[in-house]
Amino acid sequence: MARKKMKKKAAGYCRVSTKEQVNKISLADQQKQIRNYCKECNLDFSQMYVEQSSGRTDDRTQFRKMLGDAAQQKFDVLVVADNDRFGRNAGDRIRIREMLIQDFVIELHSIADGILKLDATRMFQDTIKASVSQYYRDLQIEKSNSALSFKLSEKGERNIGRIFYGLMWAPDKKSALHHPEEYPKVRKVIELRIKKRWSYAAIAEHLNKKKIPYRKGKSWDGHKVSYICSINAKTYSQGRSSVSFQGREYDYTFPPLISKSELL
């Protein structure tokens, strides 16, 4: 007698910003789409992660809970209405996909885009699509000046916001220095990833067990570790970066946090 095939356990992730809620992209609609999709695809729906939050930040309660559960293999498939639910930034969305599929071994299903994979052709197509979408968002932000990296005071001095993890602003506000508490943590993350080839989730678990906080006492997760290892790594090695203000780029420099030979 043939054994009955086990259904894959599925979870859903829904997000809207306040602006999207006004434009009637509702959480209720996303949840309904996800539940119907799971039923049609014969998936064993187990949990829904729902939140109203901007996609510009990764510090989202349900988003972080979802990543933590994925790292612990609490579900096999993650379903979203579309890939944009992960965040507004194109690079972040691709990185999150890589983390879920490659590090956590989770199937990623987008109702709008189909089953998301890491093959070169699909990643190229999705990168172009995400980049075009990101371009129009950035253009709108630039026109409205609603999300500036820093402002100029009446004296022409810079009042600059937060920069890369591991750095802190120098008194002149035109250069940066190694942060005395965060810099050693960056070095530890790079060491565990490069020399020991640990996964992002394993590094986060190790730091939390050692009671080494991320920032302001917050705990680590695979998402924070991957950001240091992938998005920030090239900038860390170059020792320079920039912020935008009203269409102009303002550069700042800092002592490199990692060597070019350590790039991931």
Protein backbone atom coordinates (compact mmCIF):
# COMPACT_ATOMS: atom_id res chain seq x y z
CA MET A 1 0.00 0.00 0.00
CA ALA A 2 1.43 3.36 -1.02
CA ARG A 3 2.30 5.73 1.80
CA LYS A 4 0.27 8.92 1.99
CA LYS A 5 2.33 11.91 0.93
CA MET A 6 2.75 14.44 3.73
CA LYS A 7 1.61 17.98 3.05
CA LYS A 8 4.19 20.72 3.27
CA LYS A 9 3.63 23.06 6.20
CA ALA A 10 3.11 26.64 5.02
CA ALA A 11 3.14 30.06 6.64
CA GLY A 12 2.12 33.45 5.27
CA TYR A 13 3.64 36.91 5.66
CA CYS A 14 1.53 40.06 5.16
CA ARG A 15 2.58 43.69 5.46
CA VAL A 16 1.18 47.09 4.62
CA SER A 17 2.43 50.59 5.29
CA THR A 18 0.07 53.34 6.36
CA LYS A 19 0.09 54.77 2.82
CA GLU A 20 -0.72 51.39 1.28
CA GLN A 21 -3.60 50.95 3.73
CA VAL A 22 -5.03 54.25 2.53
CA ASN A 23 -4.68 53.01 -1.06
CA LYS A 24 -6.74 49.93 -0.09
CA ILE A 25 -3.92 47.39 -0.23
CA SER A 26 -5.28 45.73 2.87
CA LEU A 27 -3.96 43.10 5.22
CA ALA A 28 -7.29 41.30 5.02
CA ASP A 29 -6.99 40.93 1.24
CA GLN A 30 -3.45 39.55 1.52
CA GLN A 31 -4.48 37.03 4.17
CA LYS A 32 -7.40 35.85 2.08
CA GLN A 33 -5.19 35.44 -1.01
CA ILE A 34 -2.61 33.47 0.97
CA ARG A 35 -5.16 31.13 2.57
CA ASN A 36 -6.81 30.46 -0.80
CA TYR A 37 -3.42 29.83 -2.40
CA CYS A 38 -2.47 27.29 0.29
CA LYS A 39 -5.78 25.50 -0.16
CA GLU A 40 -5.44 25.36 -3.95
CA CYS A 41 -1.82 24.14 -3.73
CA ASN A 42 -2.63 21.52 -1.07
CA LEU A 43 -0.36 23.14 1.51
CA ASP A 44 -0.89 22.66 5.24
CA PHE A 45 -1.37 26.27 6.38
CA SER A 46 -0.03 26.77 9.91
CA GLN A 47 0.62 30.43 10.70
CA MET A 48 0.18 33.99 9.45
CA TYR A 49 2.64 36.79 10.26
CA VAL A 50 0.77 40.10 9.95
CA GLU A 51 1.91 43.66 10.56
CA GLN A 52 1.41 47.27 9.55
CA SER A 53 4.87 48.75 9.15
CA SER A 54 7.06 50.56 6.66
CA GLY A 55 9.20 48.36 4.43
CA ARG A 56 12.11 50.78 4.81
CA THR A 57 13.19 49.16 8.09
CA ASP A 58 14.00 45.58 9.01
CA ASP A 59 13.15 46.20 12.66
CA ARG A 60 9.65 44.75 12.31
CA THR A 61 8.32 42.49 15.04
CA GLN A 62 6.48 39.94 12.88
CA PHE A 63 9.14 40.02 10.17
CA ARG A 64 11.86 39.13 12.67
CA LYS A 65 9.65 36.46 14.24
CA MET A 66 9.09 34.94 10.80
CA LEU A 67 12.85 34.83 10.12
CA GLY A 68 13.46 33.24 13.50
CA ASP A 69 10.83 30.56 12.91
CA ALA A 70 12.20 29.92 9.42
CA ALA A 71 15.68 29.40 10.87
CA GLN A 72 14.16 26.79 13.20
CA GLN A 73 12.36 25.06 10.31
CA LYS A 74 8.91 25.62 11.82
CA PHE A 75 7.44 25.66 8.31
CA ASP A 76 8.50 24.42 4.86
CA VAL A 77 6.94 27.05 2.61
CA LEU A 78 6.52 30.81 3.03
CA VAL A 79 3.77 32.45 0.98
CA VAL A 80 3.50 36.19 0.25
CA ALA A 81 1.10 38.16 -1.93
CA ASP A 82 4.09 39.62 -3.77
CA ASN A 83 7.83 40.01 -3.29
CA ASP A 84 7.46 43.68 -2.24
CA ARG A 85 6.04 42.60 1.12
CA PHE A 86 9.58 41.85 2.32
CA GLY A 87 10.69 45.45 1.96
CA ARG A 88 10.94 48.51 -0.24
CA ASN A 89 14.62 48.17 -1.16
CA ALA A 90 15.38 45.93 -4.13
CA GLY A 91 18.71 44.75 -2.77
CA ASP A 92 17.20 43.86 0.60
CA ARG A 93 14.43 41.81 -1.03
CA ILE A 94 16.95 39.75 -3.00
CA ARG A 95 19.12 39.24 0.07
CA ILE A 96 16.13 38.11 2.15
CA ARG A 97 15.18 35.64 -0.57
CA GLU A 98 18.69 34.21 -0.57
CA MET A 99 18.61 33.87 3.21
CA LEU A 100 15.26 32.05 3.26
CA ILE A 101 16.01 29.71 0.36
CA GLN A 102 19.73 29.09 0.76
CA ASP A 103 20.40 29.39 4.51
CA PHE A 104 17.05 28.33 5.97
CA VAL A 105 16.04 25.92 3.14
CA ILE A 106 12.53 27.39 2.88
CA GLU A 107 10.44 27.32 -0.30
CA LEU A 108 9.35 30.84 -1.19
CA HIS A 109 6.04 31.30 -3.04
CA SER A 110 4.84 34.67 -4.34
CA ILE A 111 1.23 34.68 -5.50
CA ALA A 112 2.04 37.47 -7.97
CA ASP A 113 5.38 36.09 -9.20
CA GLY A 114 5.21 32.31 -8.70
CA ILE A 115 7.73 30.11 -6.91
CA LEU A 116 10.87 32.16 -6.28
CA LYS A 117 14.20 30.43 -6.91
CA LEU A 118 17.88 31.33 -7.06
CA ASP A 119 18.56 30.36 -10.69
CA ALA A 120 20.51 33.00 -12.64
CA THR A 121 17.80 33.82 -15.20
CA ARG A 122 15.04 34.28 -12.63
CA MET A 123 17.27 36.30 -10.33
CA PHE A 124 18.24 38.57 -13.24
CA GLN A 125 14.60 39.13 -14.21
CA ASP A 126 13.60 39.82 -10.62
CA THR A 127 16.56 42.16 -10.12
CA ILE A 128 15.51 44.25 -13.15
CA LYS A 129 11.89 44.32 -12.00
CA ALA A 130 12.88 45.26 -8.45
CA SER A 131 15.35 47.90 -9.64
CA VAL A 132 12.74 49.65 -11.82
CA SER A 133 10.29 49.64 -8.92
CA GLN A 134 12.98 50.96 -6.59
CA TYR A 135 13.91 53.71 -9.07
CA TYR A 136 10.39 55.16 -9.08
CA ARG A 137 10.20 54.99 -5.30
CA ASP A 138 13.55 56.75 -4.94
CA LEU A 139 12.49 59.36 -7.50
CA GLN A 140 9.35 60.11 -5.52
CA ILE A 141 11.34 60.39 -2.29
CA GLU A 142 13.83 62.74 -3.92
CA LYS A 143 11.05 64.99 -5.24
CA SER A 144 9.22 65.20 -1.94
CA ASN A 145 12.36 65.22 0.25
CA SER A 146 10.38 63.13 2.72
CA ALA A 147 13.23 60.77 3.59
CA LEU A 148 16.53 62.67 3.65
CA SER A 149 19.66 61.04 5.01
CA PHE A 150 20.63 64.29 6.70
CA LYS A 151 19.73 67.98 6.75
CA LEU A 152 21.77 71.15 6.56
CA SER A 153 21.44 73.58 9.43
CA GLU A 154 21.25 77.36 8.96
CA LYS A 155 25.02 77.50 9.47
CA GLY A 156 25.60 74.98 6.74
CA GLU A 157 26.68 72.25 9.15
CA ARG A 158 25.60 68.66 8.71
CA ASN A 159 23.21 67.08 11.13
CA ILE A 160 23.74 63.49 10.00
CA GLY A 161 21.73 60.45 11.01
CA ARG A 162 22.77 56.86 11.69
CA ILE A 163 25.44 55.28 9.52
CA PHE A 164 26.75 51.74 9.01
CA TYR A 165 26.88 49.37 11.96
CA GLY A 166 30.37 49.41 13.46
CA LEU A 167 30.94 53.13 12.77
CA MET A 168 30.30 56.40 14.57
CA TRP A 169 30.51 60.01 13.40
CA ALA A 170 33.70 61.97 14.08
CA PRO A 171 33.32 65.44 15.67
CA ASP A 172 33.70 67.14 12.27
CA LYS A 173 30.60 65.26 10.97
CA LYS A 174 32.48 64.72 7.69
CA SER A 175 34.24 61.48 8.57
CA ALA A 176 33.57 58.43 10.69
CA LEU A 177 35.47 56.38 13.26
CA HIS A 178 35.31 52.78 14.46
CA HIS A 179 32.58 52.40 17.06
CA PRO A 180 34.31 51.08 20.23
CA GLU A 181 31.50 48.61 21.03
CA GLU A 182 30.22 47.67 17.56
CA TYR A 183 33.51 47.33 15.66
CA PRO A 184 34.65 44.18 17.56
CA LYS A 185 31.26 42.59 16.81
CA VAL A 186 31.68 43.23 13.09
CA ARG A 187 35.09 41.56 13.26
CA LYS A 188 33.61 38.56 15.09
CA VAL A 189 30.82 38.14 12.54
CA ILE A 190 33.27 38.30 9.61
CA GLU A 191 35.61 35.82 11.34
CA LEU A 192 32.86 33.24 11.95
CA ARG A 193 31.55 33.58 8.41
CA ILE A 194 34.92 33.55 6.60
CA LYS A 195 37.07 31.19 8.67
CA LYS A 196 34.45 28.80 10.03
CA ARG A 197 31.85 29.13 7.24
CA TRP A 198 29.00 29.35 9.73
CA SER A 199 25.53 30.16 8.47
CA TYR A 200 23.93 33.52 9.28
CA ALA A 201 21.50 31.84 11.68
CA ALA A 202 24.30 29.96 13.48
CA ILE A 203 26.29 33.17 13.95
CA ALA A 204 23.25 34.97 15.36
CA GLU A 205 22.52 32.10 17.75
CA HIS A 206 26.15 32.05 18.92
CA LEU A 207 26.23 35.79 19.66
CA ASN A 208 22.92 35.63 21.53
CA LYS A 209 24.10 32.67 23.65
CA LYS A 210 27.25 34.61 24.50
CA LYS A 211 24.97 37.52 25.52
CA ILE A 212 26.61 39.84 23.01
CA PRO A 213 23.88 42.39 22.11
CA TYR A 214 23.36 43.86 18.66
CA ARG A 215 22.49 47.50 19.31
CA LYS A 216 20.67 49.03 22.29
CA GLY A 217 20.43 45.62 23.92
CA LYS A 218 18.59 44.02 20.98
CA SER A 219 19.26 40.42 20.00
CA TRP A 220 20.84 39.18 16.77
CA ASP A 221 19.10 37.31 13.97
CA GLY A 222 20.19 35.91 10.62
CA HIS A 223 18.95 39.02 8.83
CA LYS A 224 21.25 41.37 10.78
CA VAL A 225 24.24 39.08 10.28
CA SER A 226 23.64 38.79 6.54
CA TYR A 227 23.41 42.57 6.24
CA ILE A 228 26.91 42.91 7.70
CA CYS A 229 28.31 40.09 5.57
CA SER A 230 26.77 41.05 2.23
CA ILE A 231 25.31 44.56 1.91
CA ASN A 232 27.89 46.36 4.08
CA ALA A 233 30.98 44.26 3.33
CA LYS A 234 32.18 46.12 0.23
CA THR A 235 31.69 49.52 1.89
CA TYR A 236 33.49 48.31 5.02
CA SER A 237 36.56 47.46 2.94
CA GLN A 238 36.57 50.67 0.86
CA GLY A 239 36.65 53.06 3.81
CA ARG A 240 34.32 55.54 2.18
CA SER A 241 30.63 56.06 1.55
CA SER A 242 28.16 58.85 0.88
CA VAL A 243 24.72 60.18 1.73
CA SER A 244 22.34 62.06 -0.56
CA PHE A 245 20.79 65.46 -0.02
CA GLN A 246 18.58 67.23 -2.58
CA GLY A 247 20.13 65.44 -5.54
CA ARG A 248 23.74 65.87 -4.39
CA GLU A 249 26.13 63.28 -2.95
CA TYR A 250 28.12 64.12 0.19
CA ASP A 251 31.10 61.81 0.79
CA TYR A 252 32.59 60.75 4.10
CA THR A 253 35.56 58.52 4.91
CA PHE A 254 36.48 56.12 7.70
CA PRO A 255 39.21 53.57 8.56
CA PRO A 256 38.27 50.29 6.77
CA LEU A 257 36.65 47.71 9.05
CA ILE A 258 37.71 44.73 6.93
CA SER A 259 40.38 44.09 4.29
CA LYS A 260 39.51 43.56 0.62
CA SER A 261 40.82 39.98 0.87
CA GLU A 262 38.03 39.26 3.37
CA LEU A 263 35.20 40.25 1.04
CA LEU A 264 32.44 37.60 0.94
